[in-house]
């Protein structure tokens, strides 16, 4: 029973992580800021001025923000690795028990 639960948790984790990754824009790299472009129209001259700001917002990506160990859990590859390990562990335990 525990073996099947590990496999089910792994599959659910992969599907949930994939959904979150897709909803965040299926980016390759994780991002810690979001670009916000503001347009201001000058009423007197009719010109449009665009300004770009970066607002802190986390976006889930396939790869971490940088190559430090602390940022690895903030990417989809980490989710795939953990859930894949759960699935493999469940399959191995099922084969040993039968």
PDB file of N, CA and C in Angstrom:
ATOM      1  N   UNK A   1       0.821  -1.199   0.000  1.00  0.00           N
ATOM      2  CA  UNK A   1       0.000   0.000   0.000  1.00  0.00           C
ATOM      3  C   UNK A   1       0.864   1.262   0.000  1.00  0.00           C
ATOM      4  N   UNK A   2       1.940   1.266   0.815  1.00  0.00           N
ATOM      5  CA  UNK A   2       2.840   2.418   0.866  1.00  0.00           C
ATOM      6  C   UNK A   2       3.543   2.614  -0.476  1.00  0.00           C
ATOM      7  N   UNK A   3       3.835   1.509  -1.138  1.00  0.00           N
ATOM      8  CA  UNK A   3       4.503   1.586  -2.437  1.00  0.00           C
ATOM      9  C   UNK A   3       3.642   2.301  -3.470  1.00  0.00           C
ATOM     10  N   UNK A   4       2.390   1.942  -3.522  1.00  0.00           N
ATOM     11  CA  UNK A   4       1.475   2.591  -4.467  1.00  0.00           C
ATOM     12  C   UNK A   4       1.253   4.048  -4.100  1.00  0.00           C
ATOM     13  N   UNK A   5       1.223   4.335  -2.801  1.00  0.00           N
ATOM     14  CA  UNK A   5       1.061   5.712  -2.345  1.00  0.00           C
ATOM     15  C   UNK A   5       2.248   6.569  -2.779  1.00  0.00           C
ATOM     16  N   UNK A   6       3.469   6.023  -2.711  1.00  0.00           N
ATOM     17  CA  UNK A   6       4.646   6.757  -3.164  1.00  0.00           C
ATOM     18  C   UNK A   6       4.566   7.058  -4.659  1.00  0.00           C
ATOM     19  N   UNK A   7       4.132   6.081  -5.432  1.00  0.00           N
ATOM     20  CA  UNK A   7       4.001   6.274  -6.879  1.00  0.00           C
ATOM     21  C   UNK A   7       2.927   7.314  -7.187  1.00  0.00           C
ATOM     22  N   UNK A   8       1.800   7.229  -6.507  1.00  0.00           N
ATOM     23  CA  UNK A   8       0.712   8.187  -6.731  1.00  0.00           C
ATOM     24  C   UNK A   8       1.137   9.590  -6.327  1.00  0.00           C
ATOM     25  N   UNK A   9       1.829   9.726  -5.186  1.00  0.00           N
ATOM     26  CA  UNK A   9       2.311  11.045  -4.751  1.00  0.00           C
ATOM     27  C   UNK A   9       3.318  11.613  -5.754  1.00  0.00           C
ATOM     28  N   UNK A  10       4.173  10.762  -6.306  1.00  0.00           N
ATOM     29  CA  UNK A  10       5.126  11.213  -7.311  1.00  0.00           C
ATOM     30  C   UNK A  10       4.446  11.722  -8.565  1.00  0.00           C
ATOM     31  N   UNK A  11       3.462  10.995  -9.046  1.00  0.00           N
ATOM     32  CA  UNK A  11       2.740  11.405 -10.258  1.00  0.00           C
ATOM     33  C   UNK A  11       1.952  12.682 -10.016  1.00  0.00           C
ATOM     34  N   UNK A  12       1.285  12.772  -8.865  1.00  0.00           N
ATOM     35  CA  UNK A  12       0.524  13.986  -8.533  1.00  0.00           C
ATOM     36  C   UNK A  12       1.472  15.179  -8.399  1.00  0.00           C
ATOM     37  N   UNK A  13       2.649  14.953  -7.792  1.00  0.00           N
ATOM     38  CA  UNK A  13       3.626  16.034  -7.663  1.00  0.00           C
ATOM     39  C   UNK A  13       4.122  16.537  -9.003  1.00  0.00           C
ATOM     40  N   UNK A  14       4.381  15.625  -9.924  1.00  0.00           N
ATOM     41  CA  UNK A  14       4.822  16.017 -11.265  1.00  0.00           C
ATOM     42  C   UNK A  14       3.720  16.788 -11.989  1.00  0.00           C
ATOM     43  N   UNK A  15       2.490  16.312 -11.909  1.00  0.00           N
ATOM     44  CA  UNK A  15       1.386  16.999 -12.575  1.00  0.00           C
ATOM     45  C   UNK A  15       1.123  18.369 -11.963  1.00  0.00           C
ATOM     46  N   UNK A  16       1.163  18.475 -10.626  1.00  0.00           N
ATOM     47  CA  UNK A  16       0.942  19.763  -9.963  1.00  0.00           C
ATOM     48  C   UNK A  16       2.074  20.741 -10.285  1.00  0.00           C
ATOM     49  N   UNK A  17       3.312  20.259 -10.254  1.00  0.00           N
ATOM     50  CA  UNK A  17       4.441  21.116 -10.608  1.00  0.00           C
ATOM     51  C   UNK A  17       4.381  21.570 -12.051  1.00  0.00           C
ATOM     52  N   UNK A  18       3.992  20.669 -12.944  1.00  0.00           N
ATOM     53  CA  UNK A  18       3.851  21.029 -14.353  1.00  0.00           C
ATOM     54  C   UNK A  18       2.764  22.055 -14.578  1.00  0.00           C
ATOM     55  N   UNK A  19       1.673  21.935 -13.826  1.00  0.00           N
ATOM     56  CA  UNK A  19       0.584  22.916 -13.938  1.00  0.00           C
ATOM     57  C   UNK A  19       1.048  24.296 -13.477  1.00  0.00           C
ATOM     58  N   UNK A  20       1.744  24.342 -12.341  1.00  0.00           N
ATOM     59  CA  UNK A  20       2.248  25.621 -11.821  1.00  0.00           C
ATOM     60  C   UNK A  20       3.251  26.226 -12.803  1.00  0.00           C
ATOM     61  N   UNK A  21       4.142  25.386 -13.355  1.00  0.00           N
ATOM     62  CA  UNK A  21       5.121  25.864 -14.323  1.00  0.00           C
ATOM     63  C   UNK A  21       4.428  26.431 -15.563  1.00  0.00           C
ATOM     64  N   UNK A  22       3.400  25.747 -16.040  1.00  0.00           N
ATOM     65  CA  UNK A  22       2.666  26.213 -17.219  1.00  0.00           C
ATOM     66  C   UNK A  22       1.929  27.520 -16.916  1.00  0.00           C
ATOM     67  N   UNK A  23       1.322  27.631 -15.753  1.00  0.00           N
ATOM     68  CA  UNK A  23       0.594  28.842 -15.379  1.00  0.00           C
ATOM     69  C   UNK A  23       1.526  30.045 -15.215  1.00  0.00           C
ATOM     70  N   UNK A  24       2.764  29.806 -14.801  1.00  0.00           N
ATOM     71  CA  UNK A  24       3.722  30.904 -14.638  1.00  0.00           C
ATOM     72  C   UNK A  24       4.394  31.285 -15.949  1.00  0.00           C
ATOM     73  N   UNK A  25       3.965  30.734 -17.050  1.00  0.00           N
ATOM     74  CA  UNK A  25       4.456  31.145 -18.355  1.00  0.00           C
ATOM     75  C   UNK A  25       5.463  30.208 -18.983  1.00  0.00           C
ATOM     76  N   UNK A  26       5.585  28.983 -18.477  1.00  0.00           N
ATOM     77  CA  UNK A  26       6.521  27.951 -18.921  1.00  0.00           C
ATOM     78  C   UNK A  26       7.865  28.536 -19.369  1.00  0.00           C
ATOM     79  N   UNK A  27       8.484  29.248 -18.416  1.00  0.00           N
ATOM     80  CA  UNK A  27       9.802  29.840 -18.621  1.00  0.00           C
ATOM     81  C   UNK A  27      10.895  28.787 -18.442  1.00  0.00           C
ATOM     82  N   UNK A  28      12.019  28.997 -19.087  1.00  0.00           N
ATOM     83  CA  UNK A  28      13.151  28.088 -18.927  1.00  0.00           C
ATOM     84  C   UNK A  28      13.815  28.333 -17.579  1.00  0.00           C
ATOM     85  N   UNK A  29      14.064  29.609 -17.253  1.00  0.00           N
ATOM     86  CA  UNK A  29      14.700  29.944 -15.987  1.00  0.00           C
ATOM     87  C   UNK A  29      13.674  30.468 -15.006  1.00  0.00           C
ATOM     88  N   UNK A  30      13.850  30.156 -13.727  1.00  0.00           N
ATOM     89  CA  UNK A  30      13.025  30.755 -12.687  1.00  0.00           C
ATOM     90  C   UNK A  30      13.359  32.238 -12.616  1.00  0.00           C
ATOM     91  N   UNK A  31      12.384  33.038 -12.265  1.00  0.00           N
ATOM     92  CA  UNK A  31      12.598  34.484 -12.203  1.00  0.00           C
ATOM     93  C   UNK A  31      12.111  35.011 -10.866  1.00  0.00           C
ATOM     94  N   UNK A  32      12.818  36.002 -10.358  1.00  0.00           N
ATOM     95  CA  UNK A  32      12.420  36.578  -9.078  1.00  0.00           C
ATOM     96  C   UNK A  32      11.792  37.956  -9.230  1.00  0.00           C
ATOM     97  N   UNK A  33      11.703  38.463 -10.472  1.00  0.00           N
ATOM     98  CA  UNK A  33      11.074  39.756 -10.730  1.00  0.00           C
ATOM     99  C   UNK A  33      10.241  39.680 -12.000  1.00  0.00           C
ATOM    100  N   UNK A  34       9.258  40.568 -12.056  1.00  0.00           N
ATOM    101  CA  UNK A  34       8.405  40.639 -13.246  1.00  0.00           C
ATOM    102  C   UNK A  34       8.494  42.037 -13.838  1.00  0.00           C
ATOM    103  N   UNK A  35       8.626  42.100 -15.143  1.00  0.00           N
ATOM    104  CA  UNK A  35       8.735  43.384 -15.834  1.00  0.00           C
ATOM    105  C   UNK A  35       7.352  44.008 -15.991  1.00  0.00           C
ATOM    106  N   UNK A  36       7.212  45.266 -15.570  1.00  0.00           N
ATOM    107  CA  UNK A  36       5.961  45.997 -15.715  1.00  0.00           C
ATOM    108  C   UNK A  36       6.252  47.247 -16.541  1.00  0.00           C
ATOM    109  N   UNK A  37       5.607  47.357 -17.691  1.00  0.00           N
ATOM    110  CA  UNK A  37       5.791  48.513 -18.573  1.00  0.00           C
ATOM    111  C   UNK A  37       4.597  49.433 -18.392  1.00  0.00           C
ATOM    112  N   UNK A  38       4.897  50.686 -18.037  1.00  0.00           N
ATOM    113  CA  UNK A  38       3.835  51.685 -17.857  1.00  0.00           C
ATOM    114  C   UNK A  38       3.924  52.703 -18.978  1.00  0.00           C
ATOM    115  N   UNK A  39       2.775  53.043 -19.534  1.00  0.00           N
ATOM    116  CA  UNK A  39       2.705  54.051 -20.583  1.00  0.00           C
ATOM    117  C   UNK A  39       1.967  55.266 -20.047  1.00  0.00           C
ATOM    118  N   UNK A  40       2.608  56.417 -20.188  1.00  0.00           N
ATOM    119  CA  UNK A  40       2.006  57.672 -19.735  1.00  0.00           C
ATOM    120  C   UNK A  40       1.861  58.573 -20.954  1.00  0.00           C
ATOM    121  N   UNK A  41       0.626  59.011 -21.201  1.00  0.00           N
ATOM    122  CA  UNK A  41       0.376  59.867 -22.354  1.00  0.00           C
ATOM    123  C   UNK A  41       0.380  61.318 -21.899  1.00  0.00           C
ATOM    124  N   UNK A  42       1.155  62.126 -22.588  1.00  0.00           N
ATOM    125  CA  UNK A  42       1.201  63.550 -22.311  1.00  0.00           C
ATOM    126  C   UNK A  42       0.030  64.206 -23.034  1.00  0.00           C
ATOM    127  N   UNK A  43      -0.871  64.801 -22.276  1.00  0.00           N
ATOM    128  CA  UNK A  43      -2.086  65.382 -22.867  1.00  0.00           C
ATOM    129  C   UNK A  43      -1.774  66.613 -23.714  1.00  0.00           C
ATOM    130  N   UNK A  44      -0.734  67.338 -23.347  1.00  0.00           N
ATOM    131  CA  UNK A  44      -0.423  68.576 -24.056  1.00  0.00           C
ATOM    132  C   UNK A  44       0.189  68.304 -25.435  1.00  0.00           C
ATOM    133  N   UNK A  45       1.162  67.439 -25.510  1.00  0.00           N
ATOM    134  CA  UNK A  45       1.853  67.177 -26.763  1.00  0.00           C
ATOM    135  C   UNK A  45       1.399  65.883 -27.451  1.00  0.00           C
ATOM    136  N   UNK A  46       0.709  65.024 -26.750  1.00  0.00           N
ATOM    137  CA  UNK A  46       0.216  63.781 -27.344  1.00  0.00           C
ATOM    138  C   UNK A  46       1.261  62.687 -27.462  1.00  0.00           C
ATOM    139  N   UNK A  47       2.369  62.835 -26.769  1.00  0.00           N
ATOM    140  CA  UNK A  47       3.412  61.808 -26.819  1.00  0.00           C
ATOM    141  C   UNK A  47       3.172  60.762 -25.741  1.00  0.00           C
ATOM    142  N   UNK A  48       3.697  59.574 -25.991  1.00  0.00           N
ATOM    143  CA  UNK A  48       3.568  58.479 -25.033  1.00  0.00           C
ATOM    144  C   UNK A  48       4.963  58.146 -24.512  1.00  0.00           C
ATOM    145  N   UNK A  49       5.093  58.166 -23.199  1.00  0.00           N
ATOM    146  CA  UNK A  49       6.355  57.829 -22.556  1.00  0.00           C
ATOM    147  C   UNK A  49       6.206  56.470 -21.890  1.00  0.00           C
ATOM    148  N   UNK A  50       7.139  55.580 -22.175  1.00  0.00           N
ATOM    149  CA  UNK A  50       7.105  54.239 -21.589  1.00  0.00           C
ATOM    150  C   UNK A  50       8.208  54.115 -20.555  1.00  0.00           C
ATOM    151  N   UNK A  51       7.826  53.618 -19.385  1.00  0.00           N
ATOM    152  CA  UNK A  51       8.804  53.349 -18.336  1.00  0.00           C
ATOM    153  C   UNK A  51       8.701  51.881 -17.954  1.00  0.00           C
ATOM    154  N   UNK A  52       9.837  51.291 -17.628  1.00  0.00           N
ATOM    155  CA  UNK A  52       9.882  49.886 -17.251  1.00  0.00           C
ATOM    156  C   UNK A  52      10.296  49.774 -15.798  1.00  0.00           C
ATOM    157  N   UNK A  53       9.510  49.026 -15.037  1.00  0.00           N
ATOM    158  CA  UNK A  53       9.830  48.751 -13.637  1.00  0.00           C
ATOM    159  C   UNK A  53       9.865  47.240 -13.447  1.00  0.00           C
ATOM    160  N   UNK A  54      10.619  46.828 -12.470  1.00  0.00           N
ATOM    161  CA  UNK A  54      10.690  45.412 -12.136  1.00  0.00           C
ATOM    162  C   UNK A  54      10.138  45.212 -10.736  1.00  0.00           C
ATOM    163  N   UNK A  55       9.034  44.489 -10.661  1.00  0.00           N
ATOM    164  CA  UNK A  55       8.338  44.245  -9.405  1.00  0.00           C
ATOM    165  C   UNK A  55       8.721  42.854  -8.903  1.00  0.00           C
ATOM    166  N   UNK A  56       9.019  42.711  -7.606  1.00  0.00           N
ATOM    167  CA  UNK A  56       9.340  41.375  -7.092  1.00  0.00           C
ATOM    168  C   UNK A  56       8.147  40.421  -7.237  1.00  0.00           C
ATOM    169  N   UNK A  57       8.320  39.382  -8.020  1.00  0.00           N
ATOM    170  CA  UNK A  57       7.291  38.364  -8.218  1.00  0.00           C
ATOM    171  C   UNK A  57       7.993  37.093  -8.671  1.00  0.00           C
ATOM    172  N   UNK A  58       7.744  35.998  -7.999  1.00  0.00           N
ATOM    173  CA  UNK A  58       8.415  34.749  -8.346  1.00  0.00           C
ATOM    174  C   UNK A  58       7.693  34.051  -9.482  1.00  0.00           C
ATOM    175  N   UNK A  59       8.441  33.626 -10.486  1.00  0.00           N
ATOM    176  CA  UNK A  59       7.935  32.832 -11.608  1.00  0.00           C
ATOM    177  C   UNK A  59       8.674  31.507 -11.623  1.00  0.00           C
ATOM    178  N   UNK A  60       7.934  30.423 -11.605  1.00  0.00           N
ATOM    179  CA  UNK A  60       8.473  29.071 -11.532  1.00  0.00           C
ATOM    180  C   UNK A  60       9.013  28.669 -12.896  1.00  0.00           C
ATOM    181  N   UNK A  61      10.294  28.314 -12.978  1.00  0.00           N
ATOM    182  CA  UNK A  61      10.906  27.922 -14.242  1.00  0.00           C
ATOM    183  C   UNK A  61      11.501  26.534 -14.170  1.00  0.00           C
ATOM    184  N   UNK A  62      12.010  26.056 -15.304  1.00  0.00           N
ATOM    185  CA  UNK A  62      12.632  24.741 -15.339  1.00  0.00           C
ATOM    186  C   UNK A  62      13.943  24.713 -14.567  1.00  0.00           C
ATOM    187  N   UNK A  63      14.726  25.777 -14.677  1.00  0.00           N
ATOM    188  CA  UNK A  63      16.039  25.837 -14.058  1.00  0.00           C
ATOM    189  C   UNK A  63      16.047  26.884 -12.945  1.00  0.00           C
ATOM    190  N   UNK A  64      16.956  26.767 -11.981  1.00  0.00           N
ATOM    191  CA  UNK A  64      16.993  27.727 -10.876  1.00  0.00           C
ATOM    192  C   UNK A  64      17.454  29.115 -11.317  1.00  0.00           C
ATOM    193  N   UNK A  65      17.298  30.095 -10.407  1.00  0.00           N
ATOM    194  CA  UNK A  65      17.690  31.472 -10.686  1.00  0.00           C
ATOM    195  C   UNK A  65      19.182  31.583 -10.989  1.00  0.00           C
ATOM    196  N   UNK A  66      19.992  30.935 -10.189  1.00  0.00           N
ATOM    197  CA  UNK A  66      21.435  30.914 -10.438  1.00  0.00           C
ATOM    198  C   UNK A  66      21.960  29.558  -9.996  1.00  0.00           C
ATOM    199  N   UNK A  67      23.250  29.385 -10.006  1.00  0.00           N
ATOM    200  CA  UNK A  67      23.808  28.053  -9.775  1.00  0.00           C
ATOM    201  C   UNK A  67      24.113  27.758  -8.310  1.00  0.00           C
ATOM    202  N   UNK A  68      23.545  28.498  -7.389  1.00  0.00           N
ATOM    203  CA  UNK A  68      23.782  28.197  -5.979  1.00  0.00           C
ATOM    204  C   UNK A  68      22.876  27.065  -5.524  1.00  0.00           C
ATOM    205  N   UNK A  69      23.316  26.364  -4.522  1.00  0.00           N
ATOM    206  CA  UNK A  69      22.556  25.217  -4.014  1.00  0.00           C
ATOM    207  C   UNK A  69      21.233  25.662  -3.405  1.00  0.00           C
ATOM    208  N   UNK A  70      21.187  26.850  -2.837  1.00  0.00           N
ATOM    209  CA  UNK A  70      19.971  27.339  -2.176  1.00  0.00           C
ATOM    210  C   UNK A  70      18.828  27.596  -3.162  1.00  0.00           C
ATOM    211  N   UNK A  71      19.134  27.865  -4.424  1.00  0.00           N
ATOM    212  CA  UNK A  71      18.088  28.161  -5.401  1.00  0.00           C
ATOM    213  C   UNK A  71      17.590  26.939  -6.161  1.00  0.00           C
ATOM    214  N   UNK A  72      18.212  25.800  -5.980  1.00  0.00           N
ATOM    215  CA  UNK A  72      17.791  24.597  -6.703  1.00  0.00           C
ATOM    216  C   UNK A  72      16.349  24.183  -6.374  1.00  0.00           C
ATOM    217  N   UNK A  73      15.886  24.254  -5.100  1.00  0.00           N
ATOM    218  CA  UNK A  73      14.493  23.873  -4.843  1.00  0.00           C
ATOM    219  C   UNK A  73      13.451  24.794  -5.469  1.00  0.00           C
ATOM    220  N   UNK A  74      13.855  25.899  -6.055  1.00  0.00           N
ATOM    221  CA  UNK A  74      12.900  26.826  -6.654  1.00  0.00           C
ATOM    222  C   UNK A  74      12.787  26.632  -8.161  1.00  0.00           C
ATOM    223  N   UNK A  75      12.857  25.369  -8.620  1.00  0.00           N
ATOM    224  CA  UNK A  75      12.736  25.113 -10.049  1.00  0.00           C
ATOM    225  C   UNK A  75      11.999  23.791 -10.271  1.00  0.00           C
ATOM    226  N   UNK A  76      11.514  23.604 -11.481  1.00  0.00           N
ATOM    227  CA  UNK A  76      10.733  22.420 -11.822  1.00  0.00           C
ATOM    228  C   UNK A  76      11.602  21.172 -11.921  1.00  0.00           C
ATOM    229  N   UNK A  77      12.879  21.332 -12.233  1.00  0.00           N
ATOM    230  CA  UNK A  77      13.775  20.176 -12.303  1.00  0.00           C
ATOM    231  C   UNK A  77      13.884  19.523 -10.928  1.00  0.00           C
ATOM    232  N   UNK A  78      13.871  20.332  -9.871  1.00  0.00           N
ATOM    233  CA  UNK A  78      13.887  19.800  -8.507  1.00  0.00           C
ATOM    234  C   UNK A  78      12.625  18.982  -8.239  1.00  0.00           C
ATOM    235  N   UNK A  79      11.477  19.510  -8.660  1.00  0.00           N
ATOM    236  CA  UNK A  79      10.209  18.790  -8.482  1.00  0.00           C
ATOM    237  C   UNK A  79      10.240  17.470  -9.245  1.00  0.00           C
ATOM    238  N   UNK A  80      10.737  17.495 -10.469  1.00  0.00           N
ATOM    239  CA  UNK A  80      10.831  16.260 -11.260  1.00  0.00           C
ATOM    240  C   UNK A  80      11.772  15.257 -10.605  1.00  0.00           C
ATOM    241  N   UNK A  81      12.891  15.731 -10.066  1.00  0.00           N
ATOM    242  CA  UNK A  81      13.844  14.840  -9.415  1.00  0.00           C
ATOM    243  C   UNK A  81      13.285  14.188  -8.167  1.00  0.00           C
ATOM    244  N   UNK A  82      12.647  14.971  -7.315  1.00  0.00           N
ATOM    245  CA  UNK A  82      12.075  14.421  -6.077  1.00  0.00           C
ATOM    246  C   UNK A  82      10.937  13.461  -6.385  1.00  0.00           C
ATOM    247  N   UNK A  83      10.032  13.867  -7.274  1.00  0.00           N
ATOM    248  CA  UNK A  83       8.886  13.009  -7.602  1.00  0.00           C
ATOM    249  C   UNK A  83       9.324  11.774  -8.378  1.00  0.00           C
ATOM    250  N   UNK A  84      10.315  11.911  -9.250  1.00  0.00           N
ATOM    251  CA  UNK A  84      10.848  10.750  -9.948  1.00  0.00           C
ATOM    252  C   UNK A  84      11.484   9.755  -8.997  1.00  0.00           C
ATOM    253  N   UNK A  85      12.183  10.269  -7.981  1.00  0.00           N
ATOM    254  CA  UNK A  85      12.766   9.404  -6.959  1.00  0.00           C
ATOM    255  C   UNK A  85      11.682   8.673  -6.175  1.00  0.00           C
ATOM    256  N   UNK A  86      10.589   9.357  -5.857  1.00  0.00           N
ATOM    257  CA  UNK A  86       9.468   8.697  -5.167  1.00  0.00           C
ATOM    258  C   UNK A  86       8.892   7.569  -6.015  1.00  0.00           C
ATOM    259  N   UNK A  87       8.731   7.825  -7.308  1.00  0.00           N
ATOM    260  CA  UNK A  87       8.174   6.796  -8.193  1.00  0.00           C
ATOM    261  C   UNK A  87       9.117   5.601  -8.280  1.00  0.00           C
ATOM    262  N   UNK A  88      10.405   5.852  -8.462  1.00  0.00           N
ATOM    263  CA  UNK A  88      11.381   4.764  -8.549  1.00  0.00           C
ATOM    264  C   UNK A  88      11.434   3.978  -7.251  1.00  0.00           C
ATOM    265  N   UNK A  89      11.400   4.682  -6.113  1.00  0.00           N
ATOM    266  CA  UNK A  89      11.410   4.017  -4.813  1.00  0.00           C
ATOM    267  C   UNK A  89      10.176   3.131  -4.639  1.00  0.00           C
ATOM    268  N   UNK A  90       9.023   3.626  -5.058  1.00  0.00           N
ATOM    269  CA  UNK A  90       7.801   2.829  -4.968  1.00  0.00           C
ATOM    270  C   UNK A  90       7.845   1.587  -5.835  1.00  0.00           C
ATOM    271  N   UNK A  91       8.368   1.728  -7.059  1.00  0.00           N
ATOM    272  CA  UNK A  91       8.461   0.575  -7.970  1.00  0.00           C
ATOM    273  C   UNK A  91       9.445  -0.458  -7.425  1.00  0.00           C
ATOM    274  N   UNK A  92      10.577  -0.002  -6.938  1.00  0.00           N
ATOM    275  CA  UNK A  92      11.581  -0.931  -6.390  1.00  0.00           C
ATOM    276  C   UNK A  92      11.027  -1.663  -5.171  1.00  0.00           C
ATOM    277  N   UNK A  93      10.331  -0.957  -4.316  1.00  0.00           N
ATOM    278  CA  UNK A  93       9.756  -1.584  -3.125  1.00  0.00           C
ATOM    279  C   UNK A  93       8.656  -2.584  -3.493  1.00  0.00           C
ATOM    280  N   UNK A  94       7.891  -2.268  -4.562  1.00  0.00           N
ATOM    281  CA  UNK A  94       6.847  -3.208  -5.006  1.00  0.00           C
ATOM    282  C   UNK A  94       7.468  -4.484  -5.550  1.00  0.00           C
ATOM    283  N   UNK A  95       8.566  -4.376  -6.272  1.00  0.00           N
ATOM    284  CA  UNK A  95       9.209  -5.552  -6.839  1.00  0.00           C
ATOM    285  C   UNK A  95       9.849  -6.421  -5.742  1.00  0.00           C
ATOM    286  N   UNK A  96      10.382  -5.789  -4.711  1.00  0.00           N
ATOM    287  CA  UNK A  96      11.002  -6.546  -3.615  1.00  0.00           C
ATOM    288  C   UNK A  96       9.959  -7.275  -2.773  1.00  0.00           C
ATOM    289  N   UNK A  97       8.776  -6.645  -2.621  1.00  0.00           N
ATOM    290  CA  UNK A  97       7.750  -7.248  -1.773  1.00  0.00           C
ATOM    291  C   UNK A  97       7.020  -8.400  -2.472  1.00  0.00           C
ATOM    292  N   UNK A  98       7.048  -8.464  -3.790  1.00  0.00           N
ATOM    293  CA  UNK A  98       6.327  -9.546  -4.483  1.00  0.00           C
ATOM    294  C   UNK A  98       7.227 -10.687  -4.897  1.00  0.00           C
TER     295      UNK A  98
END
